[in-house]
Amino acid sequence: YNLPEKAHVVLTIYNTAGQLVRTLIDREVEAGSYSVVWNGQDESGRSVASGVYLYRLEALDRGFVETKRMMLVR
């Protein structure tokens, strides 16, 4: 993701039932370009099943929210 200005960023993964699977980022981030790799594990460190998941990227103090689908293939 690209961040034009410093912001508090939250990046979360949800299953298709809308249940939180994992929070990858929840912190203040400087402006710049970033990439994030999810290892396919939930908050407890257990591997999740292959399938469709949603990721939600928020820049809280900028009012930006984006949700997209992704496929986890094992």
Protein backbone atom coordinates (compact mmCIF):
# COMPACT_ATOMS: atom_id res chain seq x y z
CA TYR A 1 0.00 0.00 0.00
CA ASN A 2 1.05 3.60 -0.51
CA LEU A 3 0.64 6.15 2.23
CA PRO A 4 0.97 9.80 1.17
CA GLU A 5 1.12 11.09 4.76
CA LYS A 6 1.83 9.70 8.21
CA ALA A 7 -1.30 7.96 9.56
CA HIS A 8 -2.54 5.36 12.02
CA VAL A 9 -2.94 2.27 9.82
CA VAL A 10 -4.99 -0.82 10.62
CA LEU A 11 -4.79 -3.87 8.32
CA THR A 12 -7.08 -6.76 9.23
CA ILE A 13 -8.02 -10.10 7.68
CA TYR A 14 -11.61 -11.44 7.87
CA ASN A 15 -13.21 -14.69 6.73
CA THR A 16 -16.26 -14.60 4.46
CA ALA A 17 -18.54 -14.81 7.52
CA GLY A 18 -17.14 -11.46 8.64
CA GLN A 19 -15.19 -12.88 11.58
CA LEU A 20 -11.82 -11.34 12.39
CA VAL A 21 -9.02 -13.75 11.55
CA ARG A 22 -5.91 -11.64 12.10
CA THR A 23 -4.77 -8.07 12.66
CA LEU A 24 -1.53 -7.52 10.75
CA ILE A 25 -0.96 -3.82 11.43
CA ASP A 26 -2.36 -1.47 14.06
CA ARG A 27 0.10 1.40 14.48
CA GLU A 28 1.25 4.81 13.34
CA VAL A 29 3.03 4.52 9.98
CA GLU A 30 5.20 7.08 8.19
CA ALA A 31 4.46 8.13 4.60
CA GLY A 32 5.82 5.71 1.98
CA SER A 33 5.22 2.46 0.11
CA TYR A 34 4.76 -0.78 2.02
CA SER A 35 4.06 -4.43 1.38
CA VAL A 36 2.70 -6.90 3.92
CA VAL A 37 2.90 -10.69 3.87
CA TRP A 38 0.31 -12.76 5.73
CA ASN A 39 1.55 -16.21 6.72
CA GLY A 40 -1.95 -17.74 6.67
CA GLN A 41 -2.26 -17.95 10.45
CA ASP A 42 -4.94 -16.59 12.76
CA GLU A 43 -4.37 -14.55 15.93
CA SER A 44 -3.58 -17.76 17.87
CA GLY A 45 -0.93 -18.91 15.41
CA ARG A 46 -3.07 -21.68 13.89
CA SER A 47 -3.05 -22.16 10.14
CA VAL A 48 -6.34 -21.26 8.47
CA ALA A 49 -7.95 -23.15 5.60
CA SER A 50 -7.43 -22.30 1.95
CA GLY A 51 -10.18 -20.11 0.57
CA VAL A 52 -11.43 -16.58 0.12
CA TYR A 53 -10.64 -13.95 2.74
CA LEU A 54 -11.19 -10.22 2.96
CA TYR A 55 -8.58 -7.68 3.90
CA ARG A 56 -9.49 -4.26 5.24
CA LEU A 57 -7.01 -1.40 5.11
CA GLU A 58 -7.82 1.69 7.16
CA ALA A 59 -5.99 4.98 7.64
CA LEU A 60 -7.95 6.01 10.70
CA ASP A 61 -7.04 9.69 10.90
CA ARG A 62 -7.50 10.14 7.13
CA GLY A 63 -10.97 8.58 6.88
CA PHE A 64 -9.72 6.03 4.33
CA VAL A 65 -11.16 2.51 4.32
CA GLU A 66 -10.71 -0.14 1.61
CA THR A 67 -11.88 -3.75 1.67
CA LYS A 68 -10.87 -6.28 -0.98
CA ARG A 69 -11.04 -10.03 -1.49
CA MET A 70 -8.05 -12.32 -1.67
CA MET A 71 -7.48 -16.03 -2.11
CA LEU A 72 -5.31 -18.09 0.25
CA VAL A 73 -3.99 -21.15 -1.57
CA ARG A 74 -1.97 -23.79 0.26
